[in-house]
Amino acid sequence: MKKQIVFLVLVFIAIVGCTDRDDNVSKVNLRIKNTSTVNFDEVTVVSSENVYSNIAVDAYSDYLEFDELYSYAYVQILADGETYTLQPIDFVGETPLAVGFYTYELGIDQTGNVVLVLKTD
């Protein structure tokens, strides 16, 4: 009897222990990493429905869900009273990102251009 209980406990632990955050994901999840030298007051990705707030230098935001997202997107950053924008022209030939977790590493170069690097989490 003890062997059966131990076996059932081990099976339960194995089942619960083998799940991870990707198992119940149905959308693209995106977070922002601030790779610039200034704090981001607000970062808008794609539309005003997707706004990240108060991202310190070298810090990450929480994830937001997107129905569809590409390796790059419209991004507007408000930082130190300035507005910085990355404006894609089109997405011709681009493939939407698969469901999962991603990070846009965002920086601002010396000329004020937004620099975006996509990372898969």
N, C-alpha and C. Protein backbone atom coordinates (compact mmCIF):
# COMPACT_ATOMS: atom_id res chain seq x y z
N MET A 1 0.82 -1.20 0.00
CA MET A 1 0.00 0.00 0.00
C MET A 1 0.87 1.26 0.00
N LYS A 2 1.93 1.25 0.83
CA LYS A 2 2.82 2.41 0.88
C LYS A 2 3.47 2.65 -0.47
N LYS A 3 3.84 1.58 -1.15
CA LYS A 3 4.48 1.71 -2.45
C LYS A 3 3.53 2.38 -3.45
N GLN A 4 2.25 2.05 -3.40
CA GLN A 4 1.27 2.64 -4.31
C GLN A 4 1.11 4.13 -4.03
N ILE A 5 1.07 4.50 -2.77
CA ILE A 5 0.93 5.92 -2.41
C ILE A 5 2.16 6.69 -2.85
N VAL A 6 3.32 6.14 -2.59
CA VAL A 6 4.57 6.80 -3.01
C VAL A 6 4.58 6.94 -4.53
N PHE A 7 4.18 5.88 -5.23
CA PHE A 7 4.14 5.92 -6.69
C PHE A 7 3.19 7.01 -7.18
N LEU A 8 2.00 7.09 -6.61
CA LEU A 8 1.02 8.11 -7.01
C LEU A 8 1.54 9.53 -6.73
N VAL A 9 2.19 9.72 -5.60
CA VAL A 9 2.76 11.02 -5.27
C VAL A 9 3.84 11.39 -6.29
N LEU A 10 4.69 10.46 -6.64
CA LEU A 10 5.74 10.72 -7.62
C LEU A 10 5.16 11.04 -9.00
N VAL A 11 4.12 10.33 -9.40
CA VAL A 11 3.46 10.62 -10.68
C VAL A 11 2.86 12.02 -10.65
N PHE A 12 2.20 12.37 -9.57
CA PHE A 12 1.61 13.71 -9.44
C PHE A 12 2.68 14.79 -9.53
N ILE A 13 3.78 14.62 -8.83
CA ILE A 13 4.88 15.59 -8.86
C ILE A 13 5.45 15.70 -10.27
N ALA A 14 5.59 14.58 -10.95
CA ALA A 14 6.13 14.60 -12.31
C ALA A 14 5.21 15.36 -13.26
N ILE A 15 3.92 15.16 -13.12
CA ILE A 15 2.96 15.85 -14.00
C ILE A 15 2.95 17.34 -13.71
N VAL A 16 2.87 17.72 -12.47
CA VAL A 16 2.84 19.14 -12.10
C VAL A 16 4.18 19.80 -12.40
N GLY A 17 5.26 19.11 -12.16
CA GLY A 17 6.58 19.67 -12.36
C GLY A 17 6.96 19.84 -13.82
N CYS A 18 6.26 19.21 -14.73
CA CYS A 18 6.60 19.29 -16.15
C CYS A 18 5.85 20.38 -16.89
N THR A 19 5.04 21.14 -16.22
CA THR A 19 4.34 22.23 -16.90
C THR A 19 5.15 23.50 -16.76
N ASP A 20 5.07 24.35 -17.77
CA ASP A 20 5.74 25.64 -17.69
C ASP A 20 4.83 26.72 -18.26
N ARG A 21 5.31 27.93 -18.29
CA ARG A 21 4.47 29.06 -18.69
C ARG A 21 4.01 28.98 -20.13
N ASP A 22 4.71 28.23 -20.99
CA ASP A 22 4.32 28.13 -22.39
C ASP A 22 3.13 27.20 -22.61
N ASP A 23 2.78 26.39 -21.64
CA ASP A 23 1.74 25.39 -21.83
C ASP A 23 0.35 25.98 -22.02
N ASN A 24 0.06 27.13 -21.45
CA ASN A 24 -1.27 27.70 -21.51
C ASN A 24 -1.30 29.02 -22.26
N VAL A 25 -0.39 29.22 -23.19
CA VAL A 25 -0.28 30.48 -23.91
C VAL A 25 -1.06 30.38 -25.21
N SER A 26 -1.87 31.41 -25.50
CA SER A 26 -2.65 31.40 -26.74
C SER A 26 -2.38 32.63 -27.59
N LYS A 27 -1.51 33.53 -27.12
CA LYS A 27 -1.21 34.76 -27.85
C LYS A 27 0.29 35.03 -27.79
N VAL A 28 0.70 36.04 -28.54
CA VAL A 28 2.08 36.51 -28.47
C VAL A 28 2.21 37.37 -27.22
N ASN A 29 3.19 37.09 -26.39
CA ASN A 29 3.43 37.85 -25.16
C ASN A 29 4.73 38.63 -25.34
N LEU A 30 4.65 39.94 -25.13
CA LEU A 30 5.81 40.80 -25.35
C LEU A 30 6.10 41.63 -24.12
N ARG A 31 7.37 41.69 -23.77
CA ARG A 31 7.82 42.61 -22.74
C ARG A 31 8.89 43.52 -23.35
N ILE A 32 9.21 44.58 -22.65
CA ILE A 32 10.20 45.56 -23.10
C ILE A 32 11.38 45.54 -22.15
N LYS A 33 12.59 45.58 -22.72
CA LYS A 33 13.80 45.82 -21.93
C LYS A 33 14.35 47.17 -22.36
N ASN A 34 14.61 48.03 -21.40
CA ASN A 34 15.17 49.35 -21.67
C ASN A 34 16.69 49.24 -21.72
N THR A 35 17.25 49.34 -22.93
CA THR A 35 18.70 49.27 -23.09
C THR A 35 19.32 50.65 -23.29
N SER A 36 18.53 51.69 -23.05
CA SER A 36 19.03 53.06 -23.23
C SER A 36 19.69 53.56 -21.94
N THR A 37 20.03 54.83 -21.94
CA THR A 37 20.63 55.45 -20.75
C THR A 37 19.65 56.35 -20.01
N VAL A 38 18.38 56.34 -20.43
CA VAL A 38 17.34 57.15 -19.76
C VAL A 38 16.16 56.26 -19.41
N ASN A 39 15.43 56.62 -18.36
CA ASN A 39 14.23 55.89 -17.99
C ASN A 39 13.13 56.15 -19.01
N PHE A 40 12.39 55.10 -19.35
CA PHE A 40 11.24 55.24 -20.24
C PHE A 40 10.01 55.51 -19.38
N ASP A 41 9.37 56.66 -19.60
CA ASP A 41 8.13 56.97 -18.89
C ASP A 41 6.98 56.15 -19.44
N GLU A 42 6.97 55.99 -20.77
CA GLU A 42 5.88 55.26 -21.43
C GLU A 42 6.39 54.71 -22.76
N VAL A 43 6.01 53.48 -23.06
CA VAL A 43 6.34 52.87 -24.35
C VAL A 43 5.05 52.32 -24.94
N THR A 44 4.70 52.78 -26.13
CA THR A 44 3.53 52.30 -26.85
C THR A 44 4.01 51.40 -27.98
N VAL A 45 3.42 50.21 -28.08
CA VAL A 45 3.75 49.28 -29.15
C VAL A 45 2.49 49.00 -29.95
N VAL A 46 2.53 49.26 -31.23
CA VAL A 46 1.46 49.05 -32.21
C VAL A 46 0.34 50.07 -32.04
N SER A 47 -0.30 50.14 -30.87
CA SER A 47 -1.43 51.05 -30.68
C SER A 47 -1.53 51.48 -29.21
N SER A 48 -2.43 52.42 -28.96
CA SER A 48 -2.60 52.93 -27.60
C SER A 48 -3.18 51.89 -26.64
N GLU A 49 -3.56 50.74 -27.16
CA GLU A 49 -4.05 49.66 -26.30
C GLU A 49 -2.90 48.90 -25.63
N ASN A 50 -1.69 49.12 -26.13
CA ASN A 50 -0.52 48.38 -25.64
C ASN A 50 0.53 49.34 -25.12
N VAL A 51 0.35 49.79 -23.88
CA VAL A 51 1.24 50.79 -23.30
C VAL A 51 1.94 50.20 -22.07
N TYR A 52 3.25 50.32 -22.08
CA TYR A 52 4.09 49.92 -20.95
C TYR A 52 4.51 51.20 -20.23
N SER A 53 4.58 51.17 -18.91
CA SER A 53 4.89 52.38 -18.15
C SER A 53 6.10 52.18 -17.25
N ASN A 54 6.85 53.28 -17.08
CA ASN A 54 7.94 53.36 -16.10
C ASN A 54 8.92 52.18 -16.17
N ILE A 55 9.72 52.17 -17.21
CA ILE A 55 10.73 51.12 -17.37
C ILE A 55 12.09 51.76 -17.14
N ALA A 56 12.73 51.40 -16.06
CA ALA A 56 14.03 51.97 -15.70
C ALA A 56 15.12 51.46 -16.65
N VAL A 57 16.25 52.13 -16.62
CA VAL A 57 17.40 51.72 -17.43
C VAL A 57 17.78 50.28 -17.07
N ASP A 58 17.95 49.45 -18.08
CA ASP A 58 18.35 48.05 -17.96
C ASP A 58 17.31 47.19 -17.23
N ALA A 59 16.06 47.64 -17.19
CA ALA A 59 14.99 46.89 -16.53
C ALA A 59 14.02 46.34 -17.58
N TYR A 60 13.19 45.39 -17.13
CA TYR A 60 12.18 44.77 -17.98
C TYR A 60 10.79 45.20 -17.53
N SER A 61 9.88 45.28 -18.48
CA SER A 61 8.47 45.51 -18.17
C SER A 61 7.80 44.16 -17.92
N ASP A 62 6.53 44.20 -17.57
CA ASP A 62 5.72 42.99 -17.55
C ASP A 62 5.35 42.64 -18.99
N TYR A 63 4.84 41.44 -19.19
CA TYR A 63 4.39 41.02 -20.52
C TYR A 63 2.99 41.57 -20.80
N LEU A 64 2.75 41.94 -22.05
CA LEU A 64 1.41 42.24 -22.55
C LEU A 64 1.12 41.27 -23.68
N GLU A 65 -0.16 40.94 -23.88
CA GLU A 65 -0.55 40.00 -24.92
C GLU A 65 -0.94 40.72 -26.20
N PHE A 66 -0.58 40.11 -27.33
CA PHE A 66 -0.92 40.63 -28.65
C PHE A 66 -1.53 39.50 -29.47
N ASP A 67 -2.56 39.84 -30.26
CA ASP A 67 -3.13 38.85 -31.18
C ASP A 67 -2.15 38.56 -32.31
N GLU A 68 -1.46 39.61 -32.78
CA GLU A 68 -0.49 39.47 -33.86
C GLU A 68 0.62 40.49 -33.67
N LEU A 69 1.85 40.05 -33.89
CA LEU A 69 3.00 40.93 -33.73
C LEU A 69 4.12 40.43 -34.63
N TYR A 70 4.96 41.35 -35.07
CA TYR A 70 6.08 41.01 -35.95
C TYR A 70 7.40 41.24 -35.23
N SER A 71 8.49 40.92 -35.90
CA SER A 71 9.81 41.09 -35.31
C SER A 71 10.15 42.55 -35.07
N TYR A 72 9.39 43.44 -35.68
CA TYR A 72 9.49 44.88 -35.42
C TYR A 72 8.09 45.46 -35.53
N ALA A 73 7.88 46.63 -34.96
CA ALA A 73 6.55 47.23 -34.95
C ALA A 73 6.67 48.73 -34.73
N TYR A 74 5.53 49.41 -34.83
CA TYR A 74 5.48 50.82 -34.45
C TYR A 74 5.75 50.89 -32.96
N VAL A 75 6.72 51.73 -32.59
CA VAL A 75 7.06 51.93 -31.18
C VAL A 75 7.21 53.42 -30.93
N GLN A 76 6.56 53.90 -29.87
CA GLN A 76 6.73 55.29 -29.44
C GLN A 76 7.19 55.28 -27.99
N ILE A 77 8.30 55.97 -27.75
CA ILE A 77 8.88 56.03 -26.40
C ILE A 77 8.80 57.46 -25.91
N LEU A 78 8.27 57.64 -24.70
CA LEU A 78 8.31 58.94 -24.03
C LEU A 78 9.34 58.82 -22.92
N ALA A 79 10.37 59.69 -22.99
CA ALA A 79 11.46 59.64 -22.01
C ALA A 79 12.05 61.02 -21.84
N ASP A 80 12.20 61.46 -20.61
CA ASP A 80 12.80 62.77 -20.31
C ASP A 80 12.15 63.91 -21.09
N GLY A 81 10.84 63.86 -21.24
CA GLY A 81 10.12 64.92 -21.94
C GLY A 81 10.25 64.90 -23.45
N GLU A 82 10.90 63.88 -23.99
CA GLU A 82 11.08 63.74 -25.44
C GLU A 82 10.27 62.55 -25.95
N THR A 83 9.90 62.61 -27.23
CA THR A 83 9.21 61.50 -27.88
C THR A 83 10.11 60.93 -28.96
N TYR A 84 10.29 59.62 -28.93
CA TYR A 84 11.11 58.91 -29.91
C TYR A 84 10.22 57.87 -30.59
N THR A 85 10.30 57.78 -31.92
CA THR A 85 9.38 56.91 -32.65
C THR A 85 10.12 56.01 -33.63
N LEU A 86 9.72 54.75 -33.66
CA LEU A 86 10.13 53.81 -34.70
C LEU A 86 8.89 53.55 -35.53
N GLN A 87 8.91 53.95 -36.81
CA GLN A 87 7.74 53.85 -37.68
C GLN A 87 8.04 52.94 -38.86
N PRO A 88 7.63 51.67 -38.80
CA PRO A 88 7.82 50.78 -39.95
C PRO A 88 6.98 51.27 -41.14
N ILE A 89 7.48 51.00 -42.33
CA ILE A 89 6.74 51.39 -43.53
C ILE A 89 5.67 50.35 -43.85
N ASP A 90 6.04 49.09 -43.84
CA ASP A 90 5.08 48.01 -44.08
C ASP A 90 5.65 46.70 -43.55
N PHE A 91 4.84 45.66 -43.64
CA PHE A 91 5.26 44.34 -43.19
C PHE A 91 5.24 43.33 -44.33
N VAL A 92 5.38 43.81 -45.57
CA VAL A 92 5.37 42.94 -46.75
C VAL A 92 6.51 41.93 -46.62
N GLY A 93 6.17 40.67 -46.78
CA GLY A 93 7.17 39.61 -46.70
C GLY A 93 7.50 39.17 -45.28
N GLU A 94 6.94 39.83 -44.30
CA GLU A 94 7.19 39.46 -42.90
C GLU A 94 6.21 38.39 -42.44
N THR A 95 6.66 37.56 -41.55
CA THR A 95 5.82 36.52 -40.96
C THR A 95 5.52 36.90 -39.52
N PRO A 96 4.25 36.83 -39.10
CA PRO A 96 3.94 37.14 -37.69
C PRO A 96 4.68 36.19 -36.75
N LEU A 97 4.98 36.69 -35.57
CA LEU A 97 5.62 35.86 -34.55
C LEU A 97 4.68 34.74 -34.11
N ALA A 98 5.24 33.60 -33.81
CA ALA A 98 4.46 32.48 -33.29
C ALA A 98 4.04 32.78 -31.85
N VAL A 99 3.00 32.12 -31.40
CA VAL A 99 2.57 32.24 -30.02
C VAL A 99 3.76 31.92 -29.12
N GLY A 100 3.98 32.76 -28.11
CA GLY A 100 5.11 32.54 -27.21
C GLY A 100 5.49 33.81 -26.48
N PHE A 101 6.70 33.82 -25.93
CA PHE A 101 7.19 34.94 -25.14
C PHE A 101 8.39 35.58 -25.84
N TYR A 102 8.35 36.92 -25.94
CA TYR A 102 9.38 37.68 -26.64
C TYR A 102 9.72 38.94 -25.86
N THR A 103 10.90 39.49 -26.17
CA THR A 103 11.33 40.76 -25.60
C THR A 103 11.78 41.67 -26.73
N TYR A 104 11.26 42.90 -26.74
CA TYR A 104 11.83 43.95 -27.58
C TYR A 104 12.85 44.67 -26.70
N GLU A 105 14.12 44.56 -27.05
CA GLU A 105 15.14 45.35 -26.38
C GLU A 105 15.19 46.69 -27.10
N LEU A 106 14.81 47.75 -26.39
CA LEU A 106 14.71 49.08 -27.00
C LEU A 106 15.76 50.02 -26.45
N GLY A 107 16.40 50.71 -27.36
CA GLY A 107 17.37 51.73 -26.99
C GLY A 107 17.16 52.96 -27.85
N ILE A 108 17.88 54.01 -27.52
CA ILE A 108 17.85 55.26 -28.29
C ILE A 108 19.29 55.59 -28.62
N ASP A 109 19.60 55.68 -29.93
CA ASP A 109 20.99 55.95 -30.29
C ASP A 109 21.32 57.44 -30.16
N GLN A 110 22.55 57.82 -30.48
CA GLN A 110 23.02 59.20 -30.28
C GLN A 110 22.28 60.21 -31.14
N THR A 111 21.67 59.75 -32.23
CA THR A 111 20.93 60.68 -33.10
C THR A 111 19.44 60.70 -32.79
N GLY A 112 19.01 59.97 -31.76
CA GLY A 112 17.61 59.97 -31.36
C GLY A 112 16.76 58.92 -32.05
N ASN A 113 17.38 57.99 -32.75
CA ASN A 113 16.64 56.91 -33.40
C ASN A 113 16.40 55.78 -32.41
N VAL A 114 15.23 55.15 -32.53
CA VAL A 114 14.90 53.99 -31.70
C VAL A 114 15.58 52.76 -32.30
N VAL A 115 16.27 52.02 -31.45
CA VAL A 115 16.94 50.78 -31.86
C VAL A 115 16.17 49.62 -31.22
N LEU A 116 15.74 48.66 -32.05
CA LEU A 116 14.95 47.53 -31.58
C LEU A 116 15.67 46.23 -31.91
N VAL A 117 15.82 45.38 -30.89
CA VAL A 117 16.38 44.04 -31.08
C VAL A 117 15.36 43.06 -30.48
N LEU A 118 14.94 42.09 -31.29
CA LEU A 118 13.98 41.08 -30.83
C LEU A 118 14.72 39.91 -30.20
N LYS A 119 14.25 39.49 -29.03
CA LYS A 119 14.78 38.31 -28.36
C LYS A 119 13.63 37.34 -28.08
N THR A 120 13.88 36.07 -28.28
CA THR A 120 12.90 35.04 -27.93
C THR A 120 13.20 34.58 -26.51
N ASP A 121 12.18 34.60 -25.66
CA ASP A 121 12.37 34.22 -24.25
C ASP A 121 12.12 32.73 -24.05
